[in-house]
Every structure is written in C-alpha cells, then in structure tokens.
PDB file of all heavy atoms in Angstrom:
ATOM      1  N   LEU A   1     -70.451  71.757 -23.190  1.00  0.00           N
ATOM      2  CA  LEU A   1     -71.119  71.156 -24.338  1.00  0.00           C
ATOM      3  C   LEU A   1     -70.704  71.919 -25.585  1.00  0.00           C
ATOM      4  O   LEU A   1     -70.808  73.152 -25.634  1.00  0.00           O
ATOM      5  CB  LEU A   1     -72.640  71.229 -24.168  1.00  0.00           C
ATOM      6  CG  LEU A   1     -73.453  70.689 -25.348  1.00  0.00           C
ATOM      7  CD1 LEU A   1     -73.303  69.174 -25.462  1.00  0.00           C
ATOM      8  CD2 LEU A   1     -74.929  71.064 -25.225  1.00  0.00           C
ATOM      9  N   THR A   2     -70.192  71.210 -26.581  1.00  0.00           N
ATOM     10  CA  THR A   2     -69.873  71.843 -27.850  1.00  0.00           C
ATOM     11  C   THR A   2     -70.739  71.228 -28.939  1.00  0.00           C
ATOM     12  O   THR A   2     -70.937  70.013 -28.992  1.00  0.00           O
ATOM     13  CB  THR A   2     -68.388  71.692 -28.233  1.00  0.00           C
ATOM     14  OG1 THR A   2     -68.088  70.308 -28.435  1.00  0.00           O
ATOM     15  CG2 THR A   2     -67.488  72.246 -27.151  1.00  0.00           C
ATOM     16  N   ILE A   3     -71.276  72.087 -29.775  1.00  0.00           N
ATOM     17  CA  ILE A   3     -72.068  71.684 -30.940  1.00  0.00           C
ATOM     18  C   ILE A   3     -71.347  72.270 -32.142  1.00  0.00           C
ATOM     19  O   ILE A   3     -71.468  73.455 -32.434  1.00  0.00           O
ATOM     20  CB  ILE A   3     -73.514  72.187 -30.840  1.00  0.00           C
ATOM     21  CG1 ILE A   3     -74.151  71.773 -29.505  1.00  0.00           C
ATOM     22  CG2 ILE A   3     -74.345  71.693 -32.008  1.00  0.00           C
ATOM     23  CD1 ILE A   3     -75.516  72.385 -29.254  1.00  0.00           C
ATOM     24  N   ASP A   4     -70.546  71.445 -32.810  1.00  0.00           N
ATOM     25  CA  ASP A   4     -69.598  71.920 -33.823  1.00  0.00           C
ATOM     26  C   ASP A   4     -68.702  72.988 -33.200  1.00  0.00           C
ATOM     27  O   ASP A   4     -67.961  72.697 -32.283  1.00  0.00           O
ATOM     28  CB  ASP A   4     -70.319  72.402 -35.079  1.00  0.00           C
ATOM     29  CG  ASP A   4     -70.727  71.245 -35.991  1.00  0.00           C
ATOM     30  OD1 ASP A   4     -70.237  70.110 -35.783  1.00  0.00           O
ATOM     31  OD2 ASP A   4     -71.542  71.459 -36.911  1.00  0.00           O
ATOM     32  N   ASP A   5     -68.792  74.235 -33.649  1.00  0.00           N
ATOM     33  CA  ASP A   5     -67.882  75.267 -33.144  1.00  0.00           C
ATOM     34  C   ASP A   5     -68.517  76.122 -32.049  1.00  0.00           C
ATOM     35  O   ASP A   5     -67.937  77.120 -31.629  1.00  0.00           O
ATOM     36  CB  ASP A   5     -67.410  76.156 -34.296  1.00  0.00           C
ATOM     37  CG  ASP A   5     -68.541  76.909 -34.966  1.00  0.00           C
ATOM     38  OD1 ASP A   5     -69.683  76.416 -34.937  1.00  0.00           O
ATOM     39  OD2 ASP A   5     -68.299  77.989 -35.533  1.00  0.00           O
ATOM     40  N   GLN A   6     -69.695  75.752 -31.576  1.00  0.00           N
ATOM     41  CA  GLN A   6     -70.326  76.470 -30.471  1.00  0.00           C
ATOM     42  C   GLN A   6     -70.001  75.772 -29.153  1.00  0.00           C
ATOM     43  O   GLN A   6     -70.170  74.560 -29.035  1.00  0.00           O
ATOM     44  CB  GLN A   6     -71.846  76.488 -30.626  1.00  0.00           C
ATOM     45  CG  GLN A   6     -72.385  77.136 -31.879  1.00  0.00           C
ATOM     46  CD  GLN A   6     -73.898  77.002 -31.912  1.00  0.00           C
ATOM     47  OE1 GLN A   6     -74.628  77.962 -31.674  1.00  0.00           O
ATOM     48  NE2 GLN A   6     -74.382  75.793 -32.183  1.00  0.00           N
ATOM     49  N   SER A   7     -69.569  76.518 -28.154  1.00  0.00           N
ATOM     50  CA  SER A   7     -69.281  75.945 -26.838  1.00  0.00           C
ATOM     51  C   SER A   7     -70.076  76.687 -25.779  1.00  0.00           C
ATOM     52  O   SER A   7     -70.264  77.910 -25.853  1.00  0.00           O
ATOM     53  CB  SER A   7     -67.781  76.051 -26.517  1.00  0.00           C
ATOM     54  OG  SER A   7     -67.033  75.222 -27.364  1.00  0.00           O
ATOM     55  N   MET A   8     -70.526  75.925 -24.779  1.00  0.00           N
ATOM     56  CA  MET A   8     -71.267  76.542 -23.688  1.00  0.00           C
ATOM     57  C   MET A   8     -71.035  75.736 -22.412  1.00  0.00           C
ATOM     58  O   MET A   8     -70.816  74.520 -22.463  1.00  0.00           O
ATOM     59  CB  MET A   8     -72.762  76.622 -24.019  1.00  0.00           C
ATOM     60  CG  MET A   8     -73.415  75.283 -24.270  1.00  0.00           C
ATOM     61  SD  MET A   8     -74.918  75.355 -25.293  1.00  0.00           S
ATOM     62  CE  MET A   8     -74.174  75.319 -26.943  1.00  0.00           C
ATOM     63  N   VAL A   9     -71.019  76.420 -21.276  1.00  0.00           N
ATOM     64  CA  VAL A   9     -70.887  75.774 -19.964  1.00  0.00           C
ATOM     65  C   VAL A   9     -72.283  75.571 -19.398  1.00  0.00           C
ATOM     66  O   VAL A   9     -73.056  76.527 -19.262  1.00  0.00           O
ATOM     67  CB  VAL A   9     -70.029  76.620 -19.006  1.00  0.00           C
ATOM     68  CG1 VAL A   9     -69.955  75.956 -17.641  1.00  0.00           C
ATOM     69  CG2 VAL A   9     -68.636  76.832 -19.579  1.00  0.00           C
ATOM     70  N   LEU A  10     -72.601  74.312 -19.104  1.00  0.00           N
ATOM     71  CA  LEU A  10     -73.937  73.967 -18.625  1.00  0.00           C
ATOM     72  C   LEU A  10     -73.844  73.171 -17.328  1.00  0.00           C
ATOM     73  O   LEU A  10     -72.806  72.549 -17.043  1.00  0.00           O
ATOM     74  CB  LEU A  10     -74.675  73.129 -19.677  1.00  0.00           C
ATOM     75  CG  LEU A  10     -74.924  73.783 -21.041  1.00  0.00           C
ATOM     76  CD1 LEU A  10     -75.593  72.787 -21.977  1.00  0.00           C
ATOM     77  CD2 LEU A  10     -75.765  75.042 -20.908  1.00  0.00           C
ATOM     78  N   PRO A  11     -74.916  73.151 -16.524  1.00  0.00           N
ATOM     79  CA  PRO A  11     -74.920  72.318 -15.309  1.00  0.00           C
ATOM     80  C   PRO A  11     -74.819  70.833 -15.669  1.00  0.00           C
ATOM     81  O   PRO A  11     -75.442  70.363 -16.621  1.00  0.00           O
ATOM     82  CB  PRO A  11     -76.275  72.635 -14.669  1.00  0.00           C
ATOM     83  CG  PRO A  11     -76.693  73.938 -15.258  1.00  0.00           C
ATOM     84  CD  PRO A  11     -76.146  73.961 -16.646  1.00  0.00           C
ATOM     85  N   ALA A  12     -74.009  70.095 -14.914  1.00  0.00           N
ATOM     86  CA  ALA A  12     -73.827  68.658 -15.157  1.00  0.00           C
ATOM     87  C   ALA A  12     -74.975  67.898 -14.495  1.00  0.00           C
ATOM     88  O   ALA A  12     -74.814  67.255 -13.443  1.00  0.00           O
ATOM     89  CB  ALA A  12     -72.473  68.200 -14.626  1.00  0.00           C
ATOM     90  N   LYS A  13     -76.120  67.960 -15.133  1.00  0.00           N
ATOM     91  CA  LYS A  13     -77.303  67.263 -14.651  1.00  0.00           C
ATOM     92  C   LYS A  13     -78.318  67.228 -15.787  1.00  0.00           C
ATOM     93  O   LYS A  13     -78.120  67.826 -16.842  1.00  0.00           O
ATOM     94  CB  LYS A  13     -77.900  67.969 -13.429  1.00  0.00           C
ATOM     95  CG  LYS A  13     -78.365  69.399 -13.697  1.00  0.00           C
ATOM     96  CD  LYS A  13     -78.923  70.040 -12.440  1.00  0.00           C
ATOM     97  CE  LYS A  13     -79.415  71.461 -12.722  1.00  0.00           C
ATOM     98  NZ  LYS A  13     -79.978  72.099 -11.508  1.00  0.00           N
ATOM     99  N   GLY A  14     -79.396  66.511 -15.576  1.00  0.00           N
ATOM    100  CA  GLY A  14     -80.434  66.446 -16.588  1.00  0.00           C
ATOM    101  C   GLY A  14     -80.098  65.460 -17.692  1.00  0.00           C
ATOM    102  O   GLY A  14     -79.127  64.700 -17.620  1.00  0.00           O
ATOM    103  N   GLU A  15     -80.905  65.486 -18.753  1.00  0.00           N
ATOM    104  CA  GLU A  15     -80.758  64.542 -19.850  1.00  0.00           C
ATOM    105  C   GLU A  15     -80.653  65.276 -21.175  1.00  0.00           C
ATOM    106  O   GLU A  15     -81.338  66.280 -21.397  1.00  0.00           O
ATOM    107  CB  GLU A  15     -81.953  63.583 -19.886  1.00  0.00           C
ATOM    108  CG  GLU A  15     -81.808  62.457 -20.889  1.00  0.00           C
ATOM    109  CD  GLU A  15     -82.877  61.387 -20.718  1.00  0.00           C
ATOM    110  OE1 GLU A  15     -83.991  61.595 -21.239  1.00  0.00           O
ATOM    111  OE2 GLU A  15     -82.604  60.368 -20.050  1.00  0.00           O
ATOM    112  N   PHE A  16     -79.794  64.752 -22.042  1.00  0.00           N
ATOM    113  CA  PHE A  16     -79.598  65.304 -23.372  1.00  0.00           C
ATOM    114  C   PHE A  16     -79.869  64.178 -24.380  1.00  0.00           C
ATOM    115  O   PHE A  16     -79.290  63.098 -24.275  1.00  0.00           O
ATOM    116  CB  PHE A  16     -78.178  65.841 -23.531  1.00  0.00           C
ATOM    117  CG  PHE A  16     -77.865  67.000 -22.633  1.00  0.00           C
ATOM    118  CD1 PHE A  16     -77.602  66.799 -21.278  1.00  0.00           C
ATOM    119  CD2 PHE A  16     -77.861  68.298 -23.123  1.00  0.00           C
ATOM    120  CE1 PHE A  16     -77.331  67.860 -20.438  1.00  0.00           C
ATOM    121  CE2 PHE A  16     -77.588  69.373 -22.288  1.00  0.00           C
ATOM    122  CZ  PHE A  16     -77.328  69.157 -20.942  1.00  0.00           C
ATOM    123  N   ARG A  17     -80.736  64.461 -25.339  1.00  0.00           N
ATOM    124  CA  ARG A  17     -81.119  63.450 -26.323  1.00  0.00           C
ATOM    125  C   ARG A  17     -80.502  63.808 -27.675  1.00  0.00           C
ATOM    126  O   ARG A  17     -80.702  64.904 -28.178  1.00  0.00           O
ATOM    127  CB  ARG A  17     -82.640  63.361 -26.434  1.00  0.00           C
ATOM    128  CG  ARG A  17     -83.139  62.202 -27.289  1.00  0.00           C
ATOM    129  CD  ARG A  17     -84.623  61.965 -27.123  1.00  0.00           C
ATOM    130  NE  ARG A  17     -85.426  63.017 -27.750  1.00  0.00           N
ATOM    131  CZ  ARG A  17     -86.088  63.946 -27.086  1.00  0.00           C
ATOM    132  NH1 ARG A  17     -86.029  63.999 -25.758  1.00  0.00           N
ATOM    133  NH2 ARG A  17     -86.806  64.841 -27.730  1.00  0.00           N
ATOM    134  N   VAL A  18     -79.752  62.871 -28.237  1.00  0.00           N
ATOM    135  CA  VAL A  18     -79.094  63.083 -29.527  1.00  0.00           C
ATOM    136  C   VAL A  18     -79.719  62.152 -30.548  1.00  0.00           C
ATOM    137  O   VAL A  18     -79.870  60.945 -30.305  1.00  0.00           O
ATOM    138  CB  VAL A  18     -77.569  62.824 -29.433  1.00  0.00           C
ATOM    139  CG1 VAL A  18     -76.916  63.031 -30.800  1.00  0.00           C
ATOM    140  CG2 VAL A  18     -76.938  63.748 -28.390  1.00  0.00           C
ATOM    141  N   LYS A  19     -80.070  62.708 -31.700  1.00  0.00           N
ATOM    142  CA  LYS A  19     -80.719  61.929 -32.749  1.00  0.00           C
ATOM    143  C   LYS A  19     -80.411  62.545 -34.113  1.00  0.00           C
ATOM    144  O   LYS A  19     -79.852  63.646 -34.203  1.00  0.00           O
ATOM    145  CB  LYS A  19     -82.229  61.885 -32.521  1.00  0.00           C
ATOM    146  CG  LYS A  19     -82.891  63.268 -32.517  1.00  0.00           C
ATOM    147  CD  LYS A  19     -84.378  63.167 -32.219  1.00  0.00           C
ATOM    148  CE  LYS A  19     -85.026  64.559 -32.225  1.00  0.00           C
ATOM    149  NZ  LYS A  19     -86.499  64.469 -32.009  1.00  0.00           N
ATOM    150  N   LYS A  20     -80.786  61.843 -35.157  1.00  0.00           N
ATOM    151  CA  LYS A  20     -80.590  62.340 -36.512  1.00  0.00           C
ATOM    152  C   LYS A  20     -81.453  63.573 -36.746  1.00  0.00           C
ATOM    153  O   LYS A  20     -82.624  63.620 -36.353  1.00  0.00           O
ATOM    154  CB  LYS A  20     -80.944  61.245 -37.524  1.00  0.00           C
ATOM    155  CG  LYS A  20     -80.767  61.655 -38.973  1.00  0.00           C
ATOM    156  CD  LYS A  20     -81.183  60.529 -39.921  1.00  0.00           C
ATOM    157  CE  LYS A  20     -81.044  60.956 -41.380  1.00  0.00           C
ATOM    158  NZ  LYS A  20     -81.469  59.882 -42.313  1.00  0.00           N
ATOM    159  N   ALA A  21     -80.882  64.585 -37.403  1.00  0.00           N
ATOM    160  CA  ALA A  21     -81.625  65.800 -37.720  1.00  0.00           C
ATOM    161  C   ALA A  21     -82.606  65.534 -38.859  1.00  0.00           C
ATOM    162  O   ALA A  21     -82.388  64.644 -39.689  1.00  0.00           O
ATOM    163  CB  ALA A  21     -80.664  66.916 -38.100  1.00  0.00           C
ATOM    164  N   PRO A  22     -83.672  66.327 -38.957  1.00  0.00           N
ATOM    165  CA  PRO A  22     -84.676  66.112 -40.008  1.00  0.00           C
ATOM    166  C   PRO A  22     -84.291  66.702 -41.363  1.00  0.00           C
ATOM    167  O   PRO A  22     -85.094  66.663 -42.301  1.00  0.00           O
ATOM    168  CB  PRO A  22     -85.921  66.803 -39.439  1.00  0.00           C
ATOM    169  CG  PRO A  22     -85.379  67.892 -38.572  1.00  0.00           C
ATOM    170  CD  PRO A  22     -84.116  67.336 -37.972  1.00  0.00           C
ATOM    171  N   PHE A  23     -83.101  67.257 -41.483  1.00  0.00           N
ATOM    172  CA  PHE A  23     -82.635  67.820 -42.750  1.00  0.00           C
ATOM    173  C   PHE A  23     -81.158  67.495 -42.909  1.00  0.00           C
ATOM    174  O   PHE A  23     -80.511  67.007 -41.974  1.00  0.00           O
ATOM    175  CB  PHE A  23     -82.883  69.332 -42.808  1.00  0.00           C
ATOM    176  CG  PHE A  23     -82.218  70.098 -41.699  1.00  0.00           C
ATOM    177  CD1 PHE A  23     -80.952  70.631 -41.852  1.00  0.00           C
ATOM    178  CD2 PHE A  23     -82.861  70.271 -40.480  1.00  0.00           C
ATOM    179  CE1 PHE A  23     -80.327  71.319 -40.820  1.00  0.00           C
ATOM    180  CE2 PHE A  23     -82.248  70.959 -39.436  1.00  0.00           C
ATOM    181  CZ  PHE A  23     -80.983  71.482 -39.619  1.00  0.00           C
ATOM    182  N   SER A  24     -80.610  67.772 -44.083  1.00  0.00           N
ATOM    183  CA  SER A  24     -79.219  67.429 -44.388  1.00  0.00           C
ATOM    184  C   SER A  24     -78.449  68.664 -44.843  1.00  0.00           C
ATOM    185  O   SER A  24     -79.032  69.716 -45.127  1.00  0.00           O
ATOM    186  CB  SER A  24     -79.167  66.364 -45.500  1.00  0.00           C
ATOM    187  OG  SER A  24     -79.888  65.213 -45.142  1.00  0.00           O
ATOM    188  N   THR A  25     -77.132  68.529 -44.903  1.00  0.00           N
ATOM    189  CA  THR A  25     -76.272  69.527 -45.526  1.00  0.00           C
ATOM    190  C   THR A  25     -75.794  68.957 -46.862  1.00  0.00           C
ATOM    191  O   THR A  25     -75.404  67.791 -46.937  1.00  0.00           O
ATOM    192  CB  THR A  25     -75.063  69.855 -44.631  1.00  0.00           C
ATOM    193  OG1 THR A  25     -75.531  70.514 -43.445  1.00  0.00           O
ATOM    194  CG2 THR A  25     -74.088  70.784 -45.351  1.00  0.00           C
ATOM    195  N   LEU A  26     -75.836  69.782 -47.899  1.00  0.00           N
ATOM    196  CA  LEU A  26     -75.460  69.340 -49.240  1.00  0.00           C
ATOM    197  C   LEU A  26     -74.098  69.918 -49.610  1.00  0.00           C
ATOM    198  O   LEU A  26     -73.894  71.137 -49.582  1.00  0.00           O
ATOM    199  CB  LEU A  26     -76.507  69.789 -50.266  1.00  0.00           C
ATOM    200  CG  LEU A  26     -77.954  69.364 -49.987  1.00  0.00           C
ATOM    201  CD1 LEU A  26     -78.870  69.846 -51.108  1.00  0.00           C
ATOM    202  CD2 LEU A  26     -78.064  67.857 -49.824  1.00  0.00           C
ATOM    203  N   LEU A  27     -73.156  69.036 -49.936  1.00  0.00           N
ATOM    204  CA  LEU A  27     -71.798  69.439 -50.317  1.00  0.00           C
ATOM    205  C   LEU A  27     -71.593  69.245 -51.811  1.00  0.00           C
ATOM    206  O   LEU A  27     -71.966  68.205 -52.360  1.00  0.00           O
ATOM    207  CB  LEU A  27     -70.741  68.595 -49.581  1.00  0.00           C
ATOM    208  CG  LEU A  27     -70.286  69.071 -48.207  1.00  0.00           C
ATOM    209  CD1 LEU A  27     -71.419  68.937 -47.210  1.00  0.00           C
ATOM    210  CD2 LEU A  27     -69.076  68.265 -47.749  1.00  0.00           C
ATOM    211  N   ILE A  28     -70.974  70.228 -52.444  1.00  0.00           N
ATOM    212  CA  ILE A  28     -70.600  70.101 -53.853  1.00  0.00           C
ATOM    213  C   ILE A  28     -69.202  69.499 -53.930  1.00  0.00           C
ATOM    214  O   ILE A  28     -68.269  69.967 -53.269  1.00  0.00           O
ATOM    215  CB  ILE A  28     -70.637  71.467 -54.558  1.00  0.00           C
ATOM    216  CG1 ILE A  28     -72.091  71.948 -54.657  1.00  0.00           C
ATOM    217  CG2 ILE A  28     -70.007  71.389 -55.941  1.00  0.00           C
ATOM    218  CD1 ILE A  28     -72.237  73.326 -55.254  1.00  0.00           C
TER     219      ILE A  28
END
C-alpha cells in the first residue's frame, strides 16, 4: 500500500475505505 510517497507491506485481507479528506492543500 502506498500513500503518496509512503509505502508499507500489509496483509492482503480486510477492507480499506477511500474517501475525500476533510481538509485541502493550498497551492500558490
């Protein structure tokens, strides 16, 4: 599983829920 530049090895089981975050990143 990678989250941007973070990688981790996890068991291939269970459930992962992906949704919109409650905050934003602001770019100039």
